[in-house]
Amino acid sequence: MGAAMRRIQAGNALTAFGIGFTVPFLYVYAAKVRELDPMWATGTFMAFALGALLALPFTGRVIDRRGPVPVVIGAAVVASFGALSLGLSTGVVAILLSALALGAGQAVMQPALATMIVRCSTPSTRTRAFALQFFMQNLGLGIGGLIGGLIVDESRPGSFTLLFGIEAVMFLVLAGVIATVRMPQVPAISTALAKDAAQAGGGWKRLMEHKAMVQFCVLGFVLFFACYGQFESGLAAFGTEAAGISPSTLGFALAANTGAIVLAQFVVLRLVENHRRSRVIALVGLLWTVAWIIAAFSGLGHGSAVVAAAAFVTTYALFGIGEAMLSPTLAPLVADLAPEGSVGQYNSAFALVKQLALALGPLGVPLAAGVPMLYIGIFVLVSLGIAGLALRLGKQLTPVQDNPSLAGSTIVVKRVKEAAPVAA
């Protein structure tokens, strides 16, 4: 790992550590400490997501034209301002605007940092680089949340201000670290390519005509909606309403998810890095199908509370193992699908898909609380659908895109060069 990659990964870990201080306590802060109406407290999360959705459509073009380093630095400064002002705000408008800035800053960082990792890695090292990023993120979030939980006190508003202040400082640390990174030189984009991109409406038209990327974005949306979008919304509502899970058990389930990722990441990496990406994603769909079935068992109401809690915690752990399988698979595939000069655009598009899925995730809450077994049945089918979509995507990928370990094979390289381009 080169010096540039080490600094990128260190900055990423420190930022996750700072975010971990505040994410678990955002609703408590808005509803209990600042005494906002529950509707406005929930609106804080909506403002956070809205900031991301407003910023991401324009992010990719800036990354590809100006480079990822200034984008990360600018986003970190905006996020730092948003975090600090959120910790000091008392009124509804100020809190919502602060959340909007924080959400936009955090969202823009994701594709910019991903582009930096792509440019500082090779196809053969990229899988491990993204696996390490995901590992460091979850480790930072877990440690930050643990320490934040020891500091926070609902009766002392100043304790929340301290948490948001620490998060703001971590964003500035990220900006400082990234400012010292010396990115490797990338080949200049040809005049013809730049002209084509301009005619294509900033790259969006080109992306939408890329059949494999469109299918991958659809698959990504379903993945994020069925997993990340349900963690703190629908699945949590199912656990508390149908399975009778206590808040403390829910917290333990979230910890089990993070623990499974941290413990399994590099074990799983050795199993998936030489296999076809489409089949790895399909396997995740089957694994999550099992997870949802186990969740259903926790809500049947025929067993003991201990058995229900164990089943619920197991569900979150299985989701974590699936996430560990996806981390070295999804982000590198985005980079391999991107044409020359469009890595930032493709990373931003995929980040936008993720944010849309997360924003729509809470739509499952009424169903999870009101008709819990129907909720589980739907997501069992959705998880099976993930497997089908992944196998279908595999037919759109070149052999090397689907399995980068084949890149050294002269036979495969020859076939890829002779094949018609997948992208348009």
Protein backbone atom coordinates (compact mmCIF):
# COMPACT_ATOMS: atom_id res chain seq x y z
CA MET A 1 0.00 0.00 0.00
CA GLY A 2 1.48 3.32 -1.09
CA ALA A 3 1.68 6.49 0.99
CA ALA A 4 -1.28 8.07 -0.81
CA MET A 5 -3.51 5.06 -0.13
CA ARG A 6 -2.47 4.93 3.53
CA ARG A 7 -3.45 8.57 4.00
CA ILE A 8 -6.77 8.08 2.22
CA GLN A 9 -7.62 5.08 4.40
CA ALA A 10 -6.52 6.87 7.59
CA GLY A 11 -8.64 9.92 6.78
CA ASN A 12 -11.59 7.70 5.95
CA ALA A 13 -11.29 5.88 9.30
CA LEU A 14 -11.04 9.09 11.32
CA THR A 15 -14.10 10.50 9.57
CA ALA A 16 -16.10 7.33 10.30
CA PHE A 17 -14.99 7.62 13.93
CA GLY A 18 -16.40 11.16 14.07
CA ILE A 19 -19.66 10.21 12.37
CA GLY A 20 -20.09 7.34 14.83
CA PHE A 21 -20.25 9.89 17.65
CA THR A 22 -23.50 11.41 16.38
CA VAL A 23 -25.44 9.07 14.08
CA PRO A 24 -27.01 6.88 16.80
CA PHE A 25 -28.11 9.91 18.80
CA LEU A 26 -29.44 12.29 16.13
CA TYR A 27 -33.13 11.61 16.79
CA VAL A 28 -32.67 11.77 20.57
CA TYR A 29 -30.89 15.09 20.17
CA ALA A 30 -33.62 16.61 17.98
CA ALA A 31 -36.64 15.21 19.86
CA LYS A 32 -35.48 15.13 23.48
CA VAL A 33 -32.74 17.70 23.86
CA ARG A 34 -34.02 20.40 21.47
CA GLU A 35 -37.63 19.33 22.18
CA LEU A 36 -38.77 19.33 18.58
CA ASP A 37 -42.12 17.86 17.63
CA PRO A 38 -41.64 14.20 16.52
CA MET A 39 -42.56 15.20 12.96
CA TRP A 40 -39.80 17.82 12.85
CA ALA A 41 -37.36 15.47 14.58
CA THR A 42 -38.00 12.95 11.80
CA GLY A 43 -37.65 15.82 9.34
CA THR A 44 -34.02 16.10 10.46
CA PHE A 45 -33.32 12.77 8.78
CA MET A 46 -35.26 13.87 5.72
CA ALA A 47 -33.19 17.06 5.50
CA PHE A 48 -30.04 14.98 5.83
CA ALA A 49 -31.13 12.78 2.91
CA LEU A 50 -32.34 15.78 0.88
CA GLY A 51 -28.91 17.41 1.15
CA ALA A 52 -27.36 14.28 -0.35
CA LEU A 53 -29.93 14.03 -3.14
CA LEU A 54 -29.45 17.68 -4.11
CA ALA A 55 -25.65 17.53 -4.20
CA LEU A 56 -24.88 14.17 -5.80
CA PRO A 57 -26.23 14.77 -9.34
CA PHE A 58 -23.60 17.49 -9.84
CA THR A 59 -20.73 15.86 -7.96
CA GLY A 60 -19.44 13.42 -10.55
CA ARG A 61 -18.86 16.02 -13.24
CA VAL A 62 -16.88 18.20 -10.82
CA ILE A 63 -14.76 15.22 -9.70
CA ASP A 64 -13.89 14.27 -13.27
CA ARG A 65 -13.08 17.86 -14.27
CA ARG A 66 -11.35 19.19 -11.13
CA GLY A 67 -10.10 15.99 -9.54
CA PRO A 68 -11.30 14.26 -6.35
CA VAL A 69 -8.92 15.99 -3.89
CA PRO A 70 -10.48 19.50 -3.94
CA VAL A 71 -13.94 17.92 -3.89
CA VAL A 72 -13.16 15.92 -0.73
CA ILE A 73 -11.66 18.99 0.95
CA GLY A 74 -14.63 21.20 0.06
CA ALA A 75 -17.15 18.56 1.13
CA ALA A 76 -15.31 18.04 4.43
CA VAL A 77 -15.43 21.77 5.21
CA VAL A 78 -19.17 21.91 4.43
CA ALA A 79 -19.82 18.82 6.57
CA SER A 80 -17.75 20.27 9.41
CA PHE A 81 -19.79 23.47 9.33
CA GLY A 82 -23.02 21.45 9.26
CA ALA A 83 -21.99 19.28 12.21
CA LEU A 84 -20.88 22.19 14.38
CA SER A 85 -23.94 24.31 13.61
CA LEU A 86 -26.20 21.31 14.28
CA GLY A 87 -24.70 20.96 17.74
CA LEU A 88 -25.28 24.65 18.48
CA SER A 89 -28.70 25.09 16.87
CA THR A 90 -31.88 25.26 18.91
CA GLY A 91 -34.65 26.19 16.45
CA VAL A 92 -36.33 24.01 13.83
CA VAL A 93 -35.10 25.96 10.79
CA ALA A 94 -31.48 26.11 11.98
CA ILE A 95 -31.45 22.37 12.78
CA LEU A 96 -32.92 21.42 9.41
CA LEU A 97 -30.50 23.65 7.46
CA SER A 98 -27.57 22.27 9.45
CA ALA A 99 -28.69 18.71 8.72
CA LEU A 100 -29.02 19.63 5.04
CA ALA A 101 -25.41 20.87 4.93
CA LEU A 102 -24.12 17.88 6.89
CA GLY A 103 -25.93 15.44 4.60
CA ALA A 104 -24.66 17.13 1.44
CA GLY A 105 -21.07 17.20 2.69
CA GLN A 106 -21.02 13.57 3.76
CA ALA A 107 -22.68 12.39 0.54
CA VAL A 108 -20.22 14.21 -1.72
CA MET A 109 -17.26 12.71 0.14
CA GLN A 110 -18.27 9.15 -0.77
CA PRO A 111 -17.78 9.20 -4.57
CA ALA A 112 -14.78 11.54 -4.28
CA LEU A 113 -12.97 9.21 -1.84
CA ALA A 114 -13.95 6.21 -3.97
CA THR A 115 -12.43 7.92 -7.02
CA MET A 116 -9.23 8.58 -5.08
CA ILE A 117 -9.02 4.90 -4.16
CA VAL A 118 -9.57 3.91 -7.79
CA ARG A 119 -6.81 6.22 -9.01
CA CYS A 120 -4.37 5.05 -6.31
CA SER A 121 -4.95 1.35 -6.98
CA THR A 122 -4.75 -1.12 -9.82
CA PRO A 123 -7.42 -3.59 -10.93
CA SER A 124 -5.56 -6.32 -9.04
CA THR A 125 -5.31 -4.34 -5.77
CA ARG A 126 -8.64 -2.48 -5.95
CA THR A 127 -10.73 -5.25 -4.40
CA ARG A 128 -8.60 -5.31 -1.24
CA ALA A 129 -8.46 -1.50 -1.10
CA PHE A 130 -12.24 -1.18 -0.99
CA ALA A 131 -12.52 -4.06 1.48
CA LEU A 132 -10.09 -2.24 3.77
CA GLN A 133 -12.06 1.00 3.39
CA PHE A 134 -15.29 -0.74 4.43
CA PHE A 135 -13.54 -2.45 7.35
CA MET A 136 -12.06 0.82 8.61
CA GLN A 137 -15.41 2.61 8.23
CA ASN A 138 -17.27 0.08 10.33
CA LEU A 139 -14.52 -0.11 12.92
CA GLY A 140 -14.52 3.69 13.20
CA LEU A 141 -18.32 3.87 13.40
CA GLY A 142 -18.41 1.18 16.06
CA ILE A 143 -15.74 2.74 18.25
CA GLY A 144 -17.18 6.22 17.78
CA GLY A 145 -20.66 5.05 18.72
CA LEU A 146 -19.34 3.23 21.78
CA ILE A 147 -17.40 6.24 23.09
CA GLY A 148 -20.23 8.61 22.14
CA GLY A 149 -22.63 6.51 24.18
CA LEU A 150 -20.41 6.95 27.23
CA ILE A 151 -20.28 10.74 26.79
CA VAL A 152 -23.85 11.56 25.85
CA ASP A 153 -26.33 12.54 28.54
CA GLU A 154 -29.88 13.52 27.62
CA SER A 155 -30.07 15.86 30.62
CA ARG A 156 -26.95 17.77 29.51
CA PRO A 157 -27.34 19.47 26.09
CA GLY A 158 -23.66 20.35 26.24
CA SER A 159 -22.75 16.67 25.92
CA PHE A 160 -24.42 16.58 22.49
CA THR A 161 -22.67 19.80 21.49
CA LEU A 162 -19.40 18.09 22.39
CA LEU A 163 -20.25 15.10 20.18
CA PHE A 164 -21.06 17.26 17.17
CA GLY A 165 -17.93 19.32 17.86
CA ILE A 166 -15.78 16.19 17.75
CA GLU A 167 -17.43 15.17 14.49
CA ALA A 168 -16.72 18.64 13.03
CA VAL A 169 -13.05 18.38 14.01
CA MET A 170 -12.76 14.93 12.40
CA PHE A 171 -14.04 16.33 9.09
CA LEU A 172 -11.38 19.04 9.23
CA VAL A 173 -8.76 16.38 10.01
CA LEU A 174 -9.90 14.54 6.88
CA ALA A 175 -9.49 17.73 4.83
CA GLY A 176 -5.99 18.21 6.23
CA VAL A 177 -4.95 14.63 5.53
CA ILE A 178 -6.35 14.60 1.99
CA ALA A 179 -4.61 17.92 1.24
CA THR A 180 -1.26 16.13 1.72
CA VAL A 181 -2.09 13.31 -0.70
CA ARG A 182 -0.15 13.33 -3.94
CA MET A 183 -2.34 11.66 -6.50
CA PRO A 184 -0.73 9.67 -9.32
CA GLN A 185 -0.89 11.23 -12.75
CA VAL A 186 -3.80 9.99 -14.87
CA PRO A 187 -3.86 10.05 -18.65
CA ALA A 188 -5.33 13.24 -20.03
CA ILE A 189 -8.81 12.94 -21.43
CA SER A 190 -8.71 13.34 -25.18
CA THR A 191 -10.39 16.34 -26.79
CA ALA A 192 -12.79 14.05 -28.62
CA LEU A 193 -13.80 12.33 -25.39
CA ALA A 194 -14.34 15.64 -23.64
CA LYS A 195 -16.46 16.87 -26.54
CA ASP A 196 -18.55 13.68 -26.51
CA ALA A 197 -19.11 14.00 -22.76
CA ALA A 198 -20.22 17.62 -23.14
CA GLN A 199 -22.64 16.71 -25.89
CA ALA A 200 -24.01 13.92 -23.72
CA GLY A 201 -25.26 16.34 -21.08
CA GLY A 202 -22.39 16.11 -18.62
CA GLY A 203 -22.10 12.34 -18.90
CA TRP A 204 -25.59 11.40 -17.66
CA LYS A 205 -26.90 10.53 -21.12
CA ARG A 206 -23.83 8.41 -21.75
CA LEU A 207 -24.31 6.61 -18.46
CA MET A 208 -28.01 5.96 -19.10
CA GLU A 209 -27.13 4.40 -22.45
CA HIS A 210 -24.67 2.03 -20.74
CA LYS A 211 -26.86 -1.05 -20.36
CA ALA A 212 -24.62 -2.86 -17.87
CA MET A 213 -24.35 0.21 -15.62
CA VAL A 214 -28.10 0.78 -15.67
CA GLN A 215 -28.73 -2.83 -14.69
CA PHE A 216 -26.08 -2.52 -11.97
CA CYS A 217 -27.76 0.61 -10.58
CA VAL A 218 -31.11 -1.18 -10.46
CA LEU A 219 -29.46 -4.06 -8.63
CA GLY A 220 -27.71 -1.63 -6.29
CA PHE A 221 -30.99 0.11 -5.46
CA VAL A 222 -32.63 -3.19 -4.53
CA LEU A 223 -29.59 -4.22 -2.46
CA PHE A 224 -29.49 -0.98 -0.48
CA PHE A 225 -33.26 -0.82 -0.04
CA ALA A 226 -33.51 -4.42 1.18
CA CYS A 227 -30.60 -4.17 3.61
CA TYR A 228 -29.31 -0.77 4.67
CA GLY A 229 -32.69 0.86 4.12
CA GLN A 230 -34.33 -1.50 6.63
CA PHE A 231 -31.79 -1.62 9.46
CA GLU A 232 -32.96 1.32 11.49
CA SER A 233 -36.50 1.53 10.10
CA GLY A 234 -38.59 -1.42 8.93
CA LEU A 235 -36.58 -4.24 10.46
CA ALA A 236 -36.26 -2.36 13.75
CA ALA A 237 -40.05 -1.76 13.77
CA PHE A 238 -40.64 -5.45 13.06
CA GLY A 239 -38.37 -6.45 15.93
CA THR A 240 -39.95 -4.17 18.50
CA GLU A 241 -43.58 -4.63 17.41
CA ALA A 242 -43.84 -8.24 16.19
CA ALA A 243 -40.96 -9.95 17.97
CA GLY A 244 -41.12 -7.96 21.21
CA ILE A 245 -37.43 -7.09 21.03
CA SER A 246 -36.27 -4.60 23.66
CA PRO A 247 -34.28 -1.48 22.67
CA SER A 248 -31.20 -2.92 24.36
CA THR A 249 -31.46 -6.09 22.25
CA LEU A 250 -31.86 -3.95 19.14
CA GLY A 251 -28.64 -2.17 20.08
CA PHE A 252 -26.94 -5.52 20.55
CA ALA A 253 -28.19 -6.63 17.12
CA LEU A 254 -26.65 -3.53 15.53
CA ALA A 255 -23.41 -4.29 17.36
CA ALA A 256 -23.55 -7.87 16.07
CA ASN A 257 -23.88 -6.52 12.54
CA THR A 258 -20.79 -4.35 12.92
CA GLY A 259 -18.92 -7.15 14.70
CA ALA A 260 -19.71 -9.62 11.92
CA ILE A 261 -18.34 -7.17 9.34
CA VAL A 262 -15.14 -6.50 11.31
CA LEU A 263 -14.50 -10.18 12.05
CA ALA A 264 -15.49 -11.59 8.68
CA GLN A 265 -14.21 -8.95 6.24
CA PHE A 266 -10.81 -10.36 5.36
CA VAL A 267 -11.86 -13.99 5.75
CA VAL A 268 -14.65 -13.36 3.27
CA LEU A 269 -12.29 -11.41 1.01
CA ARG A 270 -10.10 -14.48 0.51
CA LEU A 271 -13.18 -16.43 -0.56
CA VAL A 272 -14.64 -13.91 -3.02
CA GLU A 273 -11.75 -12.07 -4.66
CA ASN A 274 -11.07 -14.81 -7.24
CA HIS A 275 -14.70 -15.54 -8.02
CA ARG A 276 -17.19 -13.96 -10.41
CA ARG A 277 -18.66 -10.80 -8.93
CA SER A 278 -22.14 -11.51 -10.26
CA ARG A 279 -22.22 -14.86 -8.49
CA VAL A 280 -20.93 -13.34 -5.24
CA ILE A 281 -23.79 -10.82 -5.31
CA ALA A 282 -26.25 -13.62 -6.10
CA LEU A 283 -24.93 -15.56 -3.10
CA VAL A 284 -25.51 -12.49 -0.91
CA GLY A 285 -29.13 -12.47 -2.09
CA LEU A 286 -29.53 -16.08 -0.98
CA LEU A 287 -27.81 -15.38 2.34
CA TRP A 288 -30.16 -12.47 3.01
CA THR A 289 -33.12 -14.69 2.10
CA VAL A 290 -32.08 -16.95 4.98
CA ALA A 291 -31.65 -13.89 7.21
CA TRP A 292 -35.22 -12.73 6.55
CA ILE A 293 -36.59 -16.23 7.22
CA ILE A 294 -34.76 -16.29 10.57
CA ALA A 295 -36.22 -12.85 11.32
CA ALA A 296 -39.69 -14.29 10.66
CA PHE A 297 -38.97 -17.03 13.19
CA SER A 298 -38.18 -14.39 15.82
CA GLY A 299 -41.61 -12.82 15.28
CA LEU A 300 -43.75 -15.96 15.33
CA GLY A 301 -44.39 -15.57 19.05
CA HIS A 302 -44.29 -19.30 19.84
CA GLY A 303 -40.82 -19.43 21.33
CA SER A 304 -39.18 -17.85 24.33
CA ALA A 305 -38.01 -14.26 24.45
CA VAL A 306 -34.41 -15.49 24.51
CA VAL A 307 -34.91 -17.52 21.33
CA ALA A 308 -36.60 -14.58 19.61
CA ALA A 309 -33.76 -12.26 20.60
CA ALA A 310 -31.13 -14.77 19.41
CA ALA A 311 -32.89 -15.13 16.05
CA PHE A 312 -33.12 -11.36 15.65
CA VAL A 313 -29.45 -10.84 16.47
CA THR A 314 -28.53 -13.64 14.04
CA THR A 315 -30.47 -11.84 11.31
CA TYR A 316 -28.36 -8.71 11.74
CA ALA A 317 -25.15 -10.75 11.85
CA LEU A 318 -26.03 -12.50 8.57
CA PHE A 319 -26.72 -9.13 6.97
CA GLY A 320 -23.24 -8.06 8.14
CA ILE A 321 -21.59 -11.06 6.47
CA GLY A 322 -23.42 -10.18 3.26
CA GLU A 323 -22.19 -6.59 3.52
CA ALA A 324 -18.63 -7.87 3.95
CA MET A 325 -19.04 -9.83 0.71
CA LEU A 326 -20.38 -6.78 -1.14
CA SER A 327 -17.74 -4.26 -0.02
CA PRO A 328 -14.95 -5.67 -2.23
CA THR A 329 -17.42 -6.28 -5.05
CA LEU A 330 -19.69 -3.29 -5.70
CA ALA A 331 -17.33 -0.28 -5.64
CA PRO A 332 -14.56 -1.91 -7.77
CA LEU A 333 -17.19 -2.97 -10.31
CA VAL A 334 -18.37 0.63 -10.64
CA ALA A 335 -14.78 1.64 -11.45
CA ASP A 336 -14.36 -1.16 -13.98
CA LEU A 337 -17.59 -0.24 -15.74
CA ALA A 338 -16.70 3.46 -16.01
CA PRO A 339 -15.26 4.68 -19.33
CA GLU A 340 -12.09 6.76 -19.36
CA GLY A 341 -12.59 10.08 -17.62
CA SER A 342 -15.98 9.16 -16.08
CA VAL A 343 -15.03 7.38 -12.85
CA GLY A 344 -16.30 10.29 -10.74
CA GLN A 345 -19.58 10.41 -12.68
CA TYR A 346 -20.18 6.68 -12.23
CA ASN A 347 -19.26 6.74 -8.53
CA SER A 348 -21.62 9.68 -7.97
CA ALA A 349 -24.44 7.95 -9.84
CA PHE A 350 -24.08 4.84 -7.72
CA ALA A 351 -23.91 6.92 -4.53
CA LEU A 352 -27.12 8.67 -5.64
CA VAL A 353 -28.81 5.29 -6.10
CA LYS A 354 -27.76 4.34 -2.56
CA GLN A 355 -29.12 7.57 -1.09
CA LEU A 356 -32.46 7.12 -2.89
CA ALA A 357 -32.74 3.60 -1.50
CA LEU A 358 -31.94 4.77 2.02
CA ALA A 359 -34.42 7.65 1.75
CA LEU A 360 -37.20 5.28 0.70
CA GLY A 361 -36.28 2.58 3.22
CA PRO A 362 -38.62 3.89 5.98
CA LEU A 363 -41.61 3.25 3.69
CA GLY A 364 -41.52 -0.30 5.02
CA VAL A 365 -42.18 0.78 8.62
CA PRO A 366 -46.03 0.82 8.51
CA LEU A 367 -46.07 -2.64 6.91
CA ALA A 368 -43.49 -4.02 9.36
CA ALA A 369 -45.45 -2.75 12.36
CA GLY A 370 -48.95 -3.49 11.02
CA VAL A 371 -48.64 -6.66 8.91
CA PRO A 372 -45.24 -8.05 9.98
CA MET A 373 -45.34 -11.44 8.24
CA LEU A 374 -46.34 -9.86 4.93
CA TYR A 375 -43.39 -7.49 5.37
CA ILE A 376 -41.03 -10.43 5.87
CA GLY A 377 -42.52 -12.32 2.92
CA ILE A 378 -42.01 -9.36 0.59
CA PHE A 379 -38.34 -9.04 1.52
CA VAL A 380 -37.76 -12.77 1.18
CA LEU A 381 -38.94 -12.39 -2.41
CA VAL A 382 -36.87 -9.22 -2.85
CA SER A 383 -33.74 -11.06 -1.66
CA LEU A 384 -34.39 -13.88 -4.11
CA GLY A 385 -34.83 -11.18 -6.74
CA ILE A 386 -31.34 -9.88 -5.89
CA ALA A 387 -29.90 -13.26 -6.84
CA GLY A 388 -31.77 -13.23 -10.15
CA LEU A 389 -30.76 -9.65 -10.99
CA ALA A 390 -27.12 -10.42 -10.19
CA LEU A 391 -27.01 -13.43 -12.50
CA ARG A 392 -28.67 -11.38 -15.23
CA LEU A 393 -26.08 -8.62 -14.77
CA GLY A 394 -23.31 -11.18 -15.18
CA LYS A 395 -24.40 -11.70 -18.80
CA GLN A 396 -23.73 -7.98 -19.51
CA LEU A 397 -20.20 -7.98 -18.09
CA THR A 398 -16.97 -8.87 -19.82
CA PRO A 399 -15.05 -11.80 -18.27
CA VAL A 400 -12.52 -9.42 -16.66
CA GLN A 401 -15.22 -7.07 -15.32
CA ASP A 402 -16.95 -10.05 -13.70
CA ASN A 403 -13.72 -11.62 -12.45
CA PRO A 404 -10.68 -9.29 -12.31
CA SER A 405 -8.37 -12.20 -11.46
CA LEU A 406 -8.63 -13.19 -15.14
CA ALA A 407 -6.91 -9.96 -16.21
CA GLY A 408 -3.55 -11.71 -16.47
CA SER A 409 -4.87 -14.36 -18.81
CA THR A 410 -3.70 -13.66 -22.36
CA ILE A 411 -6.59 -15.69 -23.75
CA VAL A 412 -9.19 -13.66 -21.88
CA VAL A 413 -7.52 -10.34 -22.72
CA LYS A 414 -7.51 -11.29 -26.40
CA ARG A 415 -11.20 -12.19 -26.28
CA VAL A 416 -12.08 -8.96 -24.50
CA LYS A 417 -10.23 -6.88 -27.07
CA GLU A 418 -11.99 -8.69 -29.92
CA ALA A 419 -15.43 -8.32 -28.28
CA ALA A 420 -17.74 -5.43 -28.99
CA PRO A 421 -17.79 -2.71 -26.26
CA VAL A 422 -20.32 -3.30 -23.51
CA ALA A 423 -20.84 0.37 -22.74
CA ALA A 424 -23.35 1.90 -25.02
